[in-house]
């Protein structure tokens, strides 16, 4: 099976891949560890941190993680402590 190149994904799919990676980072390492680089590194397809920043500002990315149903209770607690919720 051939892996689809991430740069060829439709914008909405690429957005979803990036958000999923950010949720993984937040749940694993904490909300404060969600950065362009850590998110890019966690993407299931080769992704550069610059690409992540093309889709989200860092605050928007963290807010999207907080709003995502996959974010853990610990992430929600961290969001309150960080003044993001």
Protein backbone atom coordinates (compact mmCIF):
# COMPACT_ATOMS: atom_id res chain seq x y z
CA UNK A 1 0.00 0.00 0.00
CA UNK A 2 1.38 3.39 -0.98
CA UNK A 3 1.48 6.16 1.64
CA UNK A 4 -0.12 9.37 0.48
CA UNK A 5 2.20 12.36 0.57
CA UNK A 6 1.03 14.78 3.28
CA UNK A 7 1.54 17.78 1.02
CA UNK A 8 -1.01 16.28 -1.38
CA UNK A 9 -3.72 15.97 1.25
CA UNK A 10 -6.70 18.29 0.97
CA UNK A 11 -6.44 21.20 3.40
CA UNK A 12 -9.17 19.87 5.71
CA UNK A 13 -7.46 16.47 5.99
CA UNK A 14 -4.07 18.05 6.67
CA UNK A 15 -5.69 20.22 9.34
CA UNK A 16 -7.14 17.08 10.97
CA UNK A 17 -3.77 15.28 10.90
CA UNK A 18 -2.09 18.25 12.59
CA UNK A 19 -4.79 18.57 15.25
CA UNK A 20 -4.66 14.83 15.99
CA UNK A 21 -0.90 15.06 16.48
CA UNK A 22 -1.29 18.05 18.80
CA UNK A 23 -3.83 16.14 20.92
CA UNK A 24 -1.40 13.22 21.15
CA UNK A 25 1.39 15.54 22.33
CA UNK A 26 -0.85 17.23 24.89
CA UNK A 27 -2.15 13.96 26.30
CA UNK A 28 1.34 12.43 26.43
CA UNK A 29 3.52 15.38 27.46
CA UNK A 30 1.21 18.16 28.63
CA UNK A 31 -0.51 21.10 26.99
CA UNK A 32 2.50 23.39 27.44
CA UNK A 33 4.54 20.98 25.30
CA UNK A 34 2.30 21.52 22.27
CA UNK A 35 4.61 23.46 19.95
CA UNK A 36 4.96 23.60 16.18
CA UNK A 37 7.94 21.25 16.34
CA UNK A 38 6.50 18.67 18.75
CA UNK A 39 3.26 18.63 16.78
CA UNK A 40 5.07 18.22 13.46
CA UNK A 41 7.18 15.42 14.92
CA UNK A 42 4.02 13.61 16.12
CA UNK A 43 2.22 13.82 12.76
CA UNK A 44 1.55 10.48 11.08
CA UNK A 45 2.96 11.87 7.82
CA UNK A 46 6.18 13.81 7.28
CA UNK A 47 5.37 17.35 8.38
CA UNK A 48 7.55 20.37 9.04
CA UNK A 49 6.98 22.76 11.92
CA UNK A 50 6.54 25.54 9.34
CA UNK A 51 3.59 23.63 7.90
CA UNK A 52 1.96 23.43 11.33
CA UNK A 53 2.41 27.19 11.72
CA UNK A 54 0.77 27.72 8.32
CA UNK A 55 -2.37 26.05 9.67
CA UNK A 56 -2.46 27.36 13.25
CA UNK A 57 -1.06 30.10 15.44
CA UNK A 58 0.21 28.45 18.63
CA UNK A 59 -2.65 29.80 20.74
CA UNK A 60 -5.20 28.60 18.21
CA UNK A 61 -3.60 25.16 18.15
CA UNK A 62 -3.75 24.84 21.93
CA UNK A 63 -7.36 26.08 21.96
CA UNK A 64 -8.26 23.50 19.31
CA UNK A 65 -6.68 20.79 21.46
CA UNK A 66 -8.66 21.94 24.51
CA UNK A 67 -11.89 21.87 22.48
CA UNK A 68 -11.17 18.40 21.09
CA UNK A 69 -13.08 15.55 22.74
CA UNK A 70 -9.91 13.43 22.69
CA UNK A 71 -8.11 15.78 25.10
CA UNK A 72 -7.69 14.18 28.52
CA UNK A 73 -9.04 15.54 31.80
CA UNK A 74 -5.43 16.36 32.72
CA UNK A 75 -5.12 18.53 29.61
CA UNK A 76 -8.34 20.30 30.60
CA UNK A 77 -6.92 20.93 34.08
CA UNK A 78 -3.70 22.27 32.57
CA UNK A 79 -5.72 24.59 30.32
CA UNK A 80 -7.39 26.12 33.38
CA UNK A 81 -4.03 26.52 35.13
CA UNK A 82 -2.59 28.17 32.01
CA UNK A 83 -5.54 30.58 31.83
CA UNK A 84 -6.70 29.14 28.51
CA UNK A 85 -10.06 27.98 29.77
